[in-house]
Amino acid sequence: MPHGTEVLLPEGAPLTDIEYETPQHLIPFGCRSGACGACVIEVIDGFRSLGEADLDETDFLEDLGRTDGTYRLACQCRLLGSATVRVVE
């Protein structure tokens, strides 16, 4: 996201709801089902605040070469607390 951009979402909201909170397209979304990889984010802080990744998401991230455990698919995240993320290009 642009440096310093802060978006507030209600607890339990899917991270895809971010596009309803700002006119900017901060995170690119494609399929919204965890199959296209358009919404890969790097979690800078608050990894556990995005819910647990299921095995399908983890396997797909490995297929994309994102194996160090700091990446998620934004479309699969539910916001459970505060988190700082960076959109992966």
C-alpha atoms as a PDB file:
ATOM      1  CA  MET A   1       0.000   0.000   0.000  1.00  0.00           C
ATOM      2  CA  PRO A   2       1.148   3.534  -0.372  1.00  0.00           C
ATOM      3  CA  HIS A   3       3.366   4.388   2.576  1.00  0.00           C
ATOM      4  CA  GLY A   4       1.308   5.640   5.488  1.00  0.00           C
ATOM      5  CA  THR A   5      -2.066   4.516   4.141  1.00  0.00           C
ATOM      6  CA  GLU A   6      -4.253   3.242   6.940  1.00  0.00           C
ATOM      7  CA  VAL A   7      -7.585   1.539   6.408  1.00  0.00           C
ATOM      8  CA  LEU A   8      -9.901   0.463   9.204  1.00  0.00           C
ATOM      9  CA  LEU A   9     -12.071  -2.618   8.750  1.00  0.00           C
ATOM     10  CA  PRO A  10     -14.358  -4.280  11.288  1.00  0.00           C
ATOM     11  CA  GLU A  11     -13.094  -7.379  13.073  1.00  0.00           C
ATOM     12  CA  GLY A  12     -13.815 -10.540  11.100  1.00  0.00           C
ATOM     13  CA  ALA A  13     -14.078  -8.688   7.788  1.00  0.00           C
ATOM     14  CA  PRO A  14     -12.448 -10.262   4.754  1.00  0.00           C
ATOM     15  CA  LEU A  15      -9.429  -8.281   3.614  1.00  0.00           C
ATOM     16  CA  THR A  16     -11.126  -7.938   0.213  1.00  0.00           C
ATOM     17  CA  ASP A  17     -13.444  -5.372   1.850  1.00  0.00           C
ATOM     18  CA  ILE A  18     -10.560  -2.908   1.695  1.00  0.00           C
ATOM     19  CA  GLU A  19     -11.670  -1.916  -1.799  1.00  0.00           C
ATOM     20  CA  TYR A  20     -14.957  -0.569  -0.398  1.00  0.00           C
ATOM     21  CA  GLU A  21     -13.138   1.691   2.058  1.00  0.00           C
ATOM     22  CA  THR A  22     -10.976   3.658  -0.383  1.00  0.00           C
ATOM     23  CA  PRO A  23     -11.306   4.823  -3.994  1.00  0.00           C
ATOM     24  CA  GLN A  24      -7.770   3.551  -4.666  1.00  0.00           C
ATOM     25  CA  HIS A  25      -7.182  -0.045  -5.711  1.00  0.00           C
ATOM     26  CA  LEU A  26      -4.715  -0.824  -2.950  1.00  0.00           C
ATOM     27  CA  ILE A  27      -4.663  -4.610  -3.373  1.00  0.00           C
ATOM     28  CA  PRO A  28      -5.301  -6.251  -6.748  1.00  0.00           C
ATOM     29  CA  PHE A  29      -7.960  -8.946  -6.599  1.00  0.00           C
ATOM     30  CA  GLY A  30      -8.736 -11.490  -9.284  1.00  0.00           C
ATOM     31  CA  CYS A  31     -10.636 -14.684  -8.551  1.00  0.00           C
ATOM     32  CA  ARG A  32     -11.242 -14.080  -4.800  1.00  0.00           C
ATOM     33  CA  SER A  33     -11.030 -17.834  -4.211  1.00  0.00           C
ATOM     34  CA  GLY A  34      -7.285 -18.249  -3.709  1.00  0.00           C
ATOM     35  CA  ALA A  35      -6.554 -19.634  -7.158  1.00  0.00           C
ATOM     36  CA  CYS A  36      -5.026 -16.795  -9.213  1.00  0.00           C
ATOM     37  CA  GLY A  37      -2.337 -15.260  -6.962  1.00  0.00           C
ATOM     38  CA  ALA A  38      -3.170 -11.647  -7.869  1.00  0.00           C
ATOM     39  CA  CYS A  39      -3.569 -10.627  -4.226  1.00  0.00           C
ATOM     40  CA  VAL A  40      -0.328 -11.905  -2.667  1.00  0.00           C
ATOM     41  CA  ILE A  41       0.652  -9.736   0.288  1.00  0.00           C
ATOM     42  CA  GLU A  42       3.658  -9.753   2.563  1.00  0.00           C
ATOM     43  CA  VAL A  43       2.688  -9.433   6.207  1.00  0.00           C
ATOM     44  CA  ILE A  44       5.024  -6.960   7.897  1.00  0.00           C
ATOM     45  CA  ASP A  45       3.315  -7.053  11.290  1.00  0.00           C
ATOM     46  CA  GLY A  46       0.313  -8.871  12.755  1.00  0.00           C
ATOM     47  CA  PHE A  47       0.523 -12.176  10.860  1.00  0.00           C
ATOM     48  CA  ARG A  48      -1.767 -13.946  13.343  1.00  0.00           C
ATOM     49  CA  SER A  49      -4.292 -11.113  13.006  1.00  0.00           C
ATOM     50  CA  LEU A  50      -5.199 -12.379   9.536  1.00  0.00           C
ATOM     51  CA  GLY A  51      -6.518 -15.786  10.597  1.00  0.00           C
ATOM     52  CA  GLU A  52      -5.020 -19.179   9.852  1.00  0.00           C
ATOM     53  CA  ALA A  53      -3.963 -20.103   6.332  1.00  0.00           C
ATOM     54  CA  ASP A  54      -5.438 -23.397   5.187  1.00  0.00           C
ATOM     55  CA  LEU A  55      -3.414 -26.085   3.426  1.00  0.00           C
ATOM     56  CA  ASP A  56      -4.618 -25.065  -0.057  1.00  0.00           C
ATOM     57  CA  GLU A  57      -3.431 -21.480   0.471  1.00  0.00           C
ATOM     58  CA  THR A  58      -0.089 -22.610   1.871  1.00  0.00           C
ATOM     59  CA  ASP A  59       0.456 -25.028  -1.025  1.00  0.00           C
ATOM     60  CA  PHE A  60      -0.431 -22.364  -3.599  1.00  0.00           C
ATOM     61  CA  LEU A  61       1.943 -19.848  -2.006  1.00  0.00           C
ATOM     62  CA  GLU A  62       4.691 -22.481  -2.201  1.00  0.00           C
ATOM     63  CA  ASP A  63       3.891 -22.966  -5.905  1.00  0.00           C
ATOM     64  CA  LEU A  64       4.372 -19.200  -6.309  1.00  0.00           C
ATOM     65  CA  GLY A  65       7.771 -19.379  -4.566  1.00  0.00           C
ATOM     66  CA  ARG A  66       6.551 -17.591  -1.439  1.00  0.00           C
ATOM     67  CA  THR A  67       7.898 -20.067   1.089  1.00  0.00           C
ATOM     68  CA  ASP A  68       9.354 -18.022   3.937  1.00  0.00           C
ATOM     69  CA  GLY A  69       6.082 -17.840   5.893  1.00  0.00           C
ATOM     70  CA  THR A  70       5.460 -14.089   5.671  1.00  0.00           C
ATOM     71  CA  TYR A  71       3.098 -14.194   2.692  1.00  0.00           C
ATOM     72  CA  ARG A  72      -0.669 -14.621   2.441  1.00  0.00           C
ATOM     73  CA  LEU A  73      -3.358 -14.381  -0.197  1.00  0.00           C
ATOM     74  CA  ALA A  74      -5.356 -11.309   0.812  1.00  0.00           C
ATOM     75  CA  CYS A  75      -8.582 -12.861  -0.479  1.00  0.00           C
ATOM     76  CA  GLN A  76      -8.229 -15.659   2.069  1.00  0.00           C
ATOM     77  CA  CYS A  77      -7.602 -13.428   5.108  1.00  0.00           C
ATOM     78  CA  ARG A  78     -10.113 -12.454   7.785  1.00  0.00           C
ATOM     79  CA  LEU A  79      -9.071  -9.468   9.853  1.00  0.00           C
ATOM     80  CA  LEU A  80      -8.906 -10.435  13.537  1.00  0.00           C
ATOM     81  CA  GLY A  81      -6.743  -7.560  14.746  1.00  0.00           C
ATOM     82  CA  SER A  82      -4.249  -4.969  13.593  1.00  0.00           C
ATOM     83  CA  ALA A  83      -1.937  -5.872  10.705  1.00  0.00           C
ATOM     84  CA  THR A  84       0.537  -4.128   8.418  1.00  0.00           C
ATOM     85  CA  VAL A  85       0.901  -5.553   4.916  1.00  0.00           C
ATOM     86  CA  ARG A  86       2.771  -4.801   1.702  1.00  0.00           C
ATOM     87  CA  VAL A  87       1.388  -5.688  -1.716  1.00  0.00           C
ATOM     88  CA  VAL A  88       3.758  -7.991  -3.580  1.00  0.00           C
ATOM     89  CA  GLU A  89       4.439  -7.079  -7.180  1.00  0.00           C
END
